[in-house]
Amino acid sequence: MDIRDSDFFKELLSMFKMESTEHIQTMQTGLDDLEKHANTPKQLEIAEIVHRAAHSLKGAARTIGLSDMEQPCQSLELNFSQLKREKAAIPPDLFVLFRQAVQKLGQLLASINESGKVEEDKSELIRLVEEINTKMATLNK
């Protein structure tokens, strides 16, 4: 029997969806707060909260076998980790990209069907994450 056909999996998936919604909200609120407090002593604290939410979401996706969601979460997690260490000014367009990526991630997670498959196209999230990666790589150059 495939675990994805079991009632146990359906319960796990339901808990994952509820938890993922909370993590997405934490990231969205955190990005707003981070932009308000960029380049201040609070940046580290806020970036840590956003990083932890992305990390938790990545782990939860891995736990229930959503490997196609794990990679974008990991990339966001690594970028949020870099924001904890970033000393350069964070450009406003980077915040826009982070917000778009987190919003798209939330839409993809909401589209997961009862068998655990993401029904929406992931290409826009992948594009956004790649653009974030490129911009983050140039911050200290």
Protein backbone atom coordinates (compact mmCIF):
# COMPACT_ATOMS: atom_id res chain seq x y z
CA MET A 1 0.00 0.00 0.00
CA ASP A 2 1.30 3.44 -0.96
CA ILE A 3 1.43 5.74 2.08
CA ARG A 4 -0.07 8.53 -0.04
CA ASP A 5 -3.29 6.52 -0.22
CA SER A 6 -3.59 6.18 3.54
CA ASP A 7 -5.68 8.16 5.98
CA PHE A 8 -2.47 8.81 7.92
CA PHE A 9 -0.94 10.60 4.92
CA LYS A 10 -4.08 12.64 4.42
CA GLU A 11 -3.90 13.73 8.06
CA LEU A 12 -0.19 14.60 7.70
CA LEU A 13 -0.92 16.55 4.54
CA SER A 14 -3.72 18.46 6.25
CA MET A 15 -1.40 19.39 9.13
CA PHE A 16 1.33 20.33 6.64
CA LYS A 17 -1.00 22.66 4.75
CA MET A 18 -2.10 24.36 7.97
CA GLU A 19 1.49 24.70 9.18
CA SER A 20 2.75 25.88 5.79
CA THR A 21 0.16 28.66 5.76
CA GLU A 22 1.55 29.87 9.09
CA HIS A 23 5.13 29.76 7.79
CA ILE A 24 4.17 31.69 4.65
CA GLN A 25 2.44 34.33 6.80
CA THR A 26 5.51 34.56 9.05
CA MET A 27 7.74 35.08 6.01
CA GLN A 28 5.41 37.72 4.52
CA THR A 29 5.16 39.66 7.78
CA GLY A 30 8.87 39.23 8.37
CA LEU A 31 9.73 40.64 4.95
CA ASP A 32 7.60 43.71 5.67
CA ASP A 33 9.34 44.15 9.03
CA LEU A 34 12.74 43.48 7.53
CA GLU A 35 12.26 46.18 4.92
CA LYS A 36 11.20 48.66 7.61
CA HIS A 37 14.23 47.80 9.73
CA ALA A 38 16.81 47.11 7.01
CA ASN A 39 20.33 48.14 7.98
CA THR A 40 19.37 48.55 11.63
CA PRO A 41 20.22 46.35 14.62
CA LYS A 42 16.78 44.67 14.32
CA GLN A 43 17.66 43.31 10.86
CA LEU A 44 19.46 40.29 12.33
CA GLU A 45 16.57 39.38 14.65
CA ILE A 46 13.93 39.71 11.94
CA ALA A 47 16.00 37.89 9.32
CA GLU A 48 16.42 35.03 11.80
CA ILE A 49 12.64 34.71 12.16
CA VAL A 50 12.13 34.68 8.39
CA HIS A 51 15.01 32.22 7.96
CA ARG A 52 13.54 29.89 10.59
CA ALA A 53 10.13 29.90 8.87
CA ALA A 54 11.72 28.97 5.52
CA HIS A 55 13.81 26.28 7.23
CA SER A 56 10.77 24.80 8.97
CA LEU A 57 8.78 24.82 5.74
CA LYS A 58 11.64 23.08 3.90
CA GLY A 59 11.84 20.39 6.57
CA ALA A 60 8.09 19.84 6.62
CA ALA A 61 8.01 19.53 2.81
CA ARG A 62 10.81 16.98 2.97
CA THR A 63 9.04 15.02 5.71
CA ILE A 64 5.93 14.41 3.64
CA GLY A 65 7.84 13.82 0.40
CA LEU A 66 7.28 17.12 -1.42
CA SER A 67 10.77 17.20 -2.89
CA ASP A 68 9.74 19.61 -5.66
CA MET A 69 8.85 22.17 -2.96
CA GLU A 70 11.89 21.43 -0.83
CA GLN A 71 14.42 22.96 -3.26
CA PRO A 72 12.79 26.41 -3.60
CA CYS A 73 12.35 26.50 0.19
CA GLN A 74 16.02 25.65 0.63
CA SER A 75 17.09 28.43 -1.74
CA LEU A 76 14.92 30.95 0.11
CA GLU A 77 16.28 29.68 3.42
CA LEU A 78 19.88 30.20 2.25
CA ASN A 79 19.09 33.70 1.00
CA PHE A 80 17.36 34.62 4.25
CA SER A 81 20.42 33.30 6.07
CA GLN A 82 22.58 35.65 4.02
CA LEU A 83 20.33 38.56 5.01
CA LYS A 84 21.26 37.80 8.63
CA ARG A 85 24.88 38.53 7.76
CA GLU A 86 24.39 41.23 5.16
CA LYS A 87 26.04 44.56 5.86
CA ALA A 88 25.29 46.19 2.51
CA ALA A 89 22.06 48.05 1.86
CA ILE A 90 19.33 45.72 0.69
CA PRO A 91 17.79 47.13 -2.48
CA PRO A 92 14.01 47.60 -2.62
CA ASP A 93 13.71 45.46 -5.77
CA LEU A 94 15.10 42.51 -3.81
CA PHE A 95 12.28 42.84 -1.28
CA VAL A 96 9.81 42.85 -4.19
CA LEU A 97 11.32 39.60 -5.50
CA PHE A 98 11.26 37.98 -2.06
CA ARG A 99 7.60 38.94 -1.62
CA GLN A 100 6.68 37.60 -5.05
CA ALA A 101 8.52 34.34 -4.38
CA VAL A 102 6.89 33.82 -0.99
CA GLN A 103 3.47 34.64 -2.43
CA LYS A 104 3.99 32.18 -5.29
CA LEU A 105 5.25 29.55 -2.84
CA GLY A 106 2.05 30.01 -0.84
CA GLN A 107 -0.07 29.59 -3.98
CA LEU A 108 1.79 26.41 -4.92
CA LEU A 109 1.42 24.97 -1.44
CA ALA A 110 -2.30 25.78 -1.48
CA SER A 111 -2.61 23.90 -4.79
CA ILE A 112 -1.42 20.58 -3.34
CA ASN A 113 -4.06 17.95 -3.96
CA GLU A 114 -5.07 15.18 -1.57
CA SER A 115 -2.46 12.82 -3.00
CA GLY A 116 0.31 15.32 -2.25
CA LYS A 117 0.93 16.61 -5.77
CA VAL A 118 1.42 20.30 -6.54
CA GLU A 119 -1.13 21.16 -9.21
CA GLU A 120 0.12 24.63 -10.20
CA ASP A 121 3.10 25.29 -12.45
CA LYS A 122 6.32 25.79 -10.48
CA SER A 123 8.29 27.56 -13.22
CA GLU A 124 7.51 31.10 -12.00
CA LEU A 125 8.71 30.26 -8.49
CA ILE A 126 11.89 28.74 -9.90
CA ARG A 127 12.49 31.86 -12.01
CA LEU A 128 11.95 34.15 -9.02
CA VAL A 129 14.28 32.13 -6.81
CA GLU A 130 16.98 32.15 -9.49
CA GLU A 131 16.65 35.92 -9.84
CA ILE A 132 16.91 36.32 -6.06
CA ASN A 133 20.01 34.09 -6.04
CA THR A 134 21.63 36.26 -8.73
CA LYS A 135 20.86 39.52 -6.92
CA MET A 136 22.00 38.17 -3.56
CA ALA A 137 25.30 37.06 -5.09
CA THR A 138 26.00 40.63 -6.21
CA LEU A 139 25.20 42.41 -2.93
CA ASN A 140 28.74 42.39 -1.60
CA LYS A 141 30.51 42.83 -4.92
